[in-house]
Amino acid sequence: MTLPLVVGVDGSDSSLLAVDWAVDEAARHGVPLRLVYASLWARYEAGLPSVNPRRPSEQVLAEHIVASAADRAERRNPDVKVTTDIVPEDAVDALVRAGDEVFALVTGTRGRGELKGLLLGSVGLGVSARAHCPVVVVRGDRAGLEGAHERILLGLGEADMNAEAVRFAFREAEVRGCVLDVVRAWRRPAYDRNGDRLEPGGPADTYEERASAVINALLKAASAENPHVRTRPAALEGPAGKILVDRSAAADLVIVGARRRTGHLGFQLGCVSHALLHHAQCPVAVVPGRQ
């Protein structure tokens, strides 16, 4: 069975950009596209009197939104098979549940009705934090959205959160025929093992070599399985989030692994994923490890 690429739509400009990106992605991978509108309107409308009979109901609005999104997708690429679904459910819950059997989930940066000043809306963040499949938040400038750079950026974190992200990155680079830049950031420790403060500007060779060794180890198997993918590994000193955000300006997609943790606010992403989801200059894929 070919798993679909699922896109959350709500009629916002952000979700329409996500539809455009998802159509191109579905065509690259030869998968069908499923457009999902989810809202709790049924619960709210059932308990409210109709104060304005001229105003269309949320159900009618939902039908218009998915029909318009489907028409947009068909006009962009008529060869991509498109289906639609309207779910009377919280958007994050619906998309996370849909993500159990999909190729990937795609969202925009902000939904209809969310404040324009927000860097990332609650749906994109919530889905990225909870879904068990890759989640792509479509954001960035025109060059990144159109794939003009012909470059994928993979940020490597800890070993236990990288394997699925590496596979996803090589698959993307393979179908796009582009270069895969692989980056692992490293930092000099402020203290030694005895708790004594280290002098700034000390030798960095050891830390850089360790970062390079991690890159080589993680890429070895994937490179052998995908010999046509050109990789450019780099071990760079500095904060990982800043390095990846800066480098996203020359990428078509930036990919990071996710090791989700549960705190008092529920599922949470790490600081690097947060930085990219809010500030990257191209679409961001958050790829969870296998549960």
Protein backbone atom coordinates (compact mmCIF):
# COMPACT_ATOMS: atom_id res chain seq x y z
CA MET A 1 0.00 0.00 0.00
CA THR A 2 1.32 3.45 -0.93
CA LEU A 3 1.04 5.75 2.07
CA PRO A 4 -0.34 9.25 1.40
CA LEU A 5 1.22 12.61 2.12
CA VAL A 6 -1.21 14.42 4.42
CA VAL A 7 -1.59 18.21 4.49
CA GLY A 8 -3.50 20.20 7.07
CA VAL A 9 -5.58 22.90 5.35
CA ASP A 10 -7.64 25.74 6.81
CA GLY A 11 -7.88 28.31 4.03
CA SER A 12 -5.02 30.48 5.31
CA ASP A 13 -2.29 31.72 2.99
CA SER A 14 0.16 29.61 4.98
CA SER A 15 -1.79 26.41 4.39
CA LEU A 16 -2.08 27.16 0.66
CA LEU A 17 1.72 27.41 0.46
CA ALA A 18 1.85 24.08 2.28
CA VAL A 19 -0.49 22.58 -0.33
CA ASP A 20 1.75 23.81 -3.17
CA TRP A 21 4.86 22.37 -1.51
CA ALA A 22 3.10 19.09 -0.73
CA VAL A 23 1.89 18.65 -4.33
CA ASP A 24 5.47 18.92 -5.56
CA GLU A 25 6.66 16.55 -2.85
CA ALA A 26 3.95 13.99 -3.64
CA ALA A 27 4.88 14.12 -7.32
CA ARG A 28 8.57 13.57 -6.54
CA HIS A 29 7.85 10.47 -4.48
CA GLY A 30 4.89 9.15 -6.46
CA VAL A 31 2.49 9.15 -3.51
CA PRO A 32 -1.13 10.35 -3.24
CA LEU A 33 -2.06 13.56 -1.46
CA ARG A 34 -4.70 13.81 1.27
CA LEU A 35 -6.02 17.23 2.31
CA VAL A 36 -7.42 17.35 5.86
CA TYR A 37 -9.50 20.11 7.42
CA ALA A 38 -10.05 19.61 11.14
CA SER A 39 -11.99 21.78 13.58
CA LEU A 40 -14.19 21.43 16.64
CA TRP A 41 -16.95 23.44 14.94
CA ALA A 42 -19.53 20.65 15.36
CA ARG A 43 -19.22 20.82 19.14
CA TYR A 44 -19.53 24.61 19.23
CA GLU A 45 -22.27 25.08 16.62
CA ALA A 46 -24.50 22.47 18.26
CA GLY A 47 -24.76 24.58 21.41
CA LEU A 48 -25.11 28.01 19.84
CA PRO A 49 -28.17 29.75 18.39
CA SER A 50 -27.93 30.96 14.81
CA VAL A 51 -27.44 34.68 15.35
CA ASN A 52 -26.63 35.44 11.72
CA PRO A 53 -28.46 33.20 9.23
CA ARG A 54 -26.62 34.87 6.35
CA ARG A 55 -23.25 33.75 7.65
CA PRO A 56 -22.26 30.32 6.28
CA SER A 57 -21.87 27.55 8.83
CA GLU A 58 -18.42 26.19 9.63
CA GLN A 59 -19.39 22.98 7.82
CA VAL A 60 -20.09 24.90 4.62
CA LEU A 61 -16.89 26.89 5.08
CA ALA A 62 -14.91 23.68 5.61
CA GLU A 63 -16.31 22.16 2.44
CA HIS A 64 -15.37 25.29 0.51
CA ILE A 65 -11.84 25.28 1.94
CA VAL A 66 -11.05 21.67 1.05
CA ALA A 67 -12.66 21.99 -2.38
CA SER A 68 -10.59 25.10 -3.12
CA ALA A 69 -7.41 23.42 -1.86
CA ALA A 70 -8.11 20.33 -3.97
CA ASP A 71 -8.68 22.49 -7.05
CA ARG A 72 -5.43 24.33 -6.37
CA ALA A 73 -3.57 21.03 -6.05
CA GLU A 74 -5.05 19.67 -9.27
CA ARG A 75 -4.13 22.81 -11.18
CA ARG A 76 -0.57 22.62 -9.88
CA ASN A 77 -0.12 18.97 -10.92
CA PRO A 78 -3.07 17.00 -12.33
CA ASP A 79 -1.08 13.75 -12.13
CA VAL A 80 -1.10 13.74 -8.32
CA LYS A 81 -4.08 11.86 -6.89
CA VAL A 82 -5.88 14.06 -4.33
CA THR A 83 -8.47 13.14 -1.71
CA THR A 84 -10.05 15.34 0.96
CA ASP A 85 -11.32 14.81 4.47
CA ILE A 86 -13.25 17.02 6.92
CA VAL A 87 -12.85 16.00 10.56
CA PRO A 88 -14.90 17.51 13.43
CA GLU A 89 -11.94 17.25 15.78
CA ASP A 90 -9.15 19.35 17.22
CA ALA A 91 -6.68 20.03 14.40
CA VAL A 92 -3.58 18.81 16.25
CA ASP A 93 -5.31 15.65 17.49
CA ALA A 94 -6.69 14.88 14.04
CA LEU A 95 -3.38 15.34 12.23
CA VAL A 96 -1.40 13.39 14.82
CA ARG A 97 -3.87 10.53 14.55
CA ALA A 98 -3.70 10.70 10.76
CA GLY A 99 0.07 10.47 11.02
CA ASP A 100 -0.02 6.86 12.18
CA GLU A 101 -0.15 5.60 8.58
CA VAL A 102 1.20 8.29 6.27
CA PHE A 103 4.27 9.12 4.23
CA ALA A 104 4.59 12.40 6.15
CA LEU A 105 2.50 15.24 7.58
CA VAL A 106 2.71 18.77 6.18
CA THR A 107 1.51 22.00 7.80
CA GLY A 108 1.90 25.71 7.23
CA THR A 109 3.40 28.08 9.75
CA ARG A 110 0.22 29.82 10.93
CA GLY A 111 -3.41 28.92 10.70
CA ARG A 112 -6.54 30.94 9.96
CA GLY A 113 -7.29 33.24 12.85
CA GLU A 114 -3.86 33.05 14.47
CA LEU A 115 -1.98 36.26 15.16
CA LYS A 116 0.15 37.43 12.25
CA GLY A 117 3.00 38.25 14.61
CA LEU A 118 3.43 34.60 15.55
CA LEU A 119 6.52 32.96 14.07
CA LEU A 120 4.88 29.55 14.28
CA GLY A 121 1.28 28.64 14.95
CA SER A 122 0.03 26.23 17.59
CA VAL A 123 -0.93 23.51 15.08
CA GLY A 124 2.48 23.31 13.43
CA LEU A 125 4.24 23.22 16.78
CA GLY A 126 1.80 20.76 18.33
CA VAL A 127 1.94 18.33 15.42
CA SER A 128 5.74 18.51 15.26
CA ALA A 129 5.95 17.70 18.95
CA ARG A 130 3.52 14.76 18.96
CA ALA A 131 3.38 13.00 15.59
CA HIS A 132 5.02 9.58 15.13
CA CYS A 133 5.93 10.30 11.51
CA PRO A 134 8.01 12.98 9.76
CA VAL A 135 6.41 16.43 9.98
CA VAL A 136 7.26 19.17 7.50
CA VAL A 137 6.44 22.77 8.42
CA VAL A 138 6.44 24.79 5.20
CA ARG A 139 8.11 28.14 5.72
CA GLY A 140 10.92 30.24 4.26
CA ASP A 141 11.68 32.41 1.28
CA ARG A 142 10.69 31.84 -2.33
CA ALA A 143 13.97 30.18 -3.36
CA GLY A 144 13.73 27.63 -0.55
CA LEU A 145 10.07 26.90 -1.21
CA GLU A 146 10.70 26.36 -4.92
CA GLY A 147 13.77 24.15 -4.38
CA ALA A 148 16.06 26.55 -6.24
CA HIS A 149 19.14 25.86 -4.11
CA GLU A 150 19.31 22.14 -5.00
CA ARG A 151 20.61 21.42 -1.53
CA ILE A 152 19.26 19.53 1.48
CA LEU A 153 20.57 20.32 4.98
CA LEU A 154 20.71 17.61 7.65
CA GLY A 155 21.51 18.55 11.23
CA LEU A 156 22.86 15.68 13.33
CA GLY A 157 22.24 15.61 17.07
CA GLU A 158 22.60 12.75 19.52
CA ALA A 159 23.09 9.27 18.08
CA ASP A 160 19.75 7.87 19.31
CA MET A 161 17.73 10.47 17.40
CA ASN A 162 19.53 10.42 14.07
CA ALA A 163 18.94 7.14 12.23
CA GLU A 164 15.46 7.90 10.88
CA ALA A 165 16.44 11.49 10.05
CA VAL A 166 19.45 10.25 8.07
CA ARG A 167 17.28 7.85 6.06
CA PHE A 168 14.74 10.59 5.40
CA ALA A 169 17.46 13.02 4.29
CA PHE A 170 19.07 10.58 1.87
CA ARG A 171 15.67 9.74 0.40
CA GLU A 172 14.95 13.42 -0.17
CA ALA A 173 18.35 14.10 -1.70
CA GLU A 174 17.98 11.03 -3.96
CA VAL A 175 14.61 11.99 -5.45
CA ARG A 176 15.63 15.62 -5.86
CA GLY A 177 19.07 14.80 -7.29
CA CYS A 178 20.69 17.38 -5.04
CA VAL A 179 23.58 17.73 -2.61
CA LEU A 180 23.14 16.66 1.01
CA ASP A 181 24.93 18.94 3.47
CA VAL A 182 25.42 17.18 6.81
CA VAL A 183 26.27 19.30 9.83
CA ARG A 184 27.10 18.43 13.40
CA ALA A 185 27.81 21.29 15.78
CA TRP A 186 30.26 21.03 18.63
CA ARG A 187 31.18 23.22 21.60
CA ARG A 188 34.27 23.41 23.77
CA PRO A 189 33.40 22.60 27.38
CA ALA A 190 33.74 25.40 29.91
CA TYR A 191 35.05 23.02 32.61
CA ASP A 192 37.26 19.95 32.66
CA ARG A 193 36.44 16.62 34.31
CA ASN A 194 37.71 17.92 37.64
CA GLY A 195 35.39 20.90 37.56
CA ASP A 196 38.15 23.40 36.83
CA ARG A 197 37.42 26.18 34.35
CA LEU A 198 39.22 25.73 31.04
CA GLU A 199 41.09 28.57 29.44
CA PRO A 200 39.23 30.01 26.42
CA GLY A 201 40.79 29.42 23.06
CA GLY A 202 42.33 26.08 24.02
CA PRO A 203 42.91 23.24 21.55
CA ALA A 204 39.76 22.28 19.67
CA ASP A 205 41.06 19.41 17.54
CA THR A 206 39.71 16.70 19.85
CA TYR A 207 36.13 18.01 19.88
CA GLU A 208 36.06 18.62 16.15
CA GLU A 209 37.43 15.14 15.48
CA ARG A 210 34.76 13.59 17.69
CA ALA A 211 32.02 15.45 15.83
CA SER A 212 33.49 14.35 12.49
CA ALA A 213 33.64 10.75 13.70
CA VAL A 214 29.94 10.85 14.60
CA ILE A 215 29.09 12.15 11.13
CA ASN A 216 31.16 9.50 9.39
CA ALA A 217 29.69 6.69 11.47
CA LEU A 218 26.10 7.76 10.84
CA LEU A 219 26.58 8.31 7.13
CA LYS A 220 28.54 5.16 6.35
CA ALA A 221 25.64 2.76 5.86
CA ALA A 222 23.33 5.30 4.24
CA SER A 223 26.02 6.39 1.78
CA ALA A 224 26.62 2.79 0.77
CA GLU A 225 22.88 2.28 0.14
CA ASN A 226 22.58 5.57 -1.76
CA PRO A 227 25.83 5.88 -3.73
CA HIS A 228 24.44 8.55 -6.06
CA VAL A 229 23.79 11.03 -3.25
CA ARG A 230 26.59 13.56 -2.89
CA THR A 231 27.28 14.44 0.74
CA ARG A 232 29.21 17.34 2.21
CA PRO A 233 29.88 16.70 5.91
CA ALA A 234 30.93 19.53 8.20
CA ALA A 235 31.74 19.63 11.92
CA LEU A 236 31.24 23.24 13.01
CA GLU A 237 31.89 24.98 16.30
CA GLY A 238 28.98 26.92 17.75
CA PRO A 239 25.33 26.65 18.82
CA ALA A 240 23.59 24.06 16.67
CA GLY A 241 20.37 26.04 16.33
CA LYS A 242 22.11 29.19 15.10
CA ILE A 243 24.35 27.28 12.70
CA LEU A 244 21.42 25.44 11.10
CA VAL A 245 19.20 28.51 10.91
CA ASP A 246 21.99 30.43 9.19
CA ARG A 247 22.68 27.61 6.74
CA SER A 248 18.98 27.14 5.99
CA ALA A 249 19.20 30.28 3.84
CA ALA A 250 20.98 28.21 1.18
CA ALA A 251 18.86 25.05 1.51
CA ASP A 252 15.56 23.76 0.11
CA LEU A 253 14.80 21.66 3.19
CA VAL A 254 16.42 21.35 6.60
CA ILE A 255 15.99 18.05 8.45
CA VAL A 256 16.51 17.23 12.12
CA GLY A 257 15.80 14.20 14.24
CA ALA A 258 13.50 14.48 17.25
CA ARG A 259 13.74 12.88 20.63
CA ARG A 260 10.58 14.01 22.31
CA ARG A 261 10.40 14.36 26.05
CA THR A 262 7.37 14.77 28.30
CA GLY A 263 7.28 17.72 30.68
CA HIS A 264 4.65 19.61 32.64
CA LEU A 265 3.37 21.08 29.35
CA GLY A 266 3.12 17.69 27.64
CA PHE A 267 5.29 16.62 24.72
CA GLN A 268 8.15 19.00 24.02
CA LEU A 269 10.75 19.37 21.30
CA GLY A 270 14.39 20.24 21.83
CA CYS A 271 15.78 23.75 21.49
CA VAL A 272 17.32 23.09 18.05
CA SER A 273 14.00 21.96 16.57
CA HIS A 274 12.30 24.98 18.14
CA ALA A 275 14.86 27.37 16.67
CA LEU A 276 14.41 25.93 13.18
CA LEU A 277 10.62 25.79 13.31
CA HIS A 278 10.51 29.46 14.26
CA HIS A 279 13.39 30.93 12.27
CA ALA A 280 14.51 28.68 9.38
CA GLN A 281 14.52 30.23 5.92
CA CYS A 282 13.28 27.07 4.20
CA PRO A 283 10.84 24.23 5.01
CA VAL A 284 11.72 22.20 8.11
CA ALA A 285 11.30 18.43 8.54
CA VAL A 286 11.22 17.05 12.09
CA VAL A 287 11.77 13.29 11.95
CA PRO A 288 11.12 11.24 15.10
CA GLY A 289 13.06 8.12 15.95
CA ARG A 290 11.32 4.79 16.00
CA GLN A 291 9.23 4.27 19.12
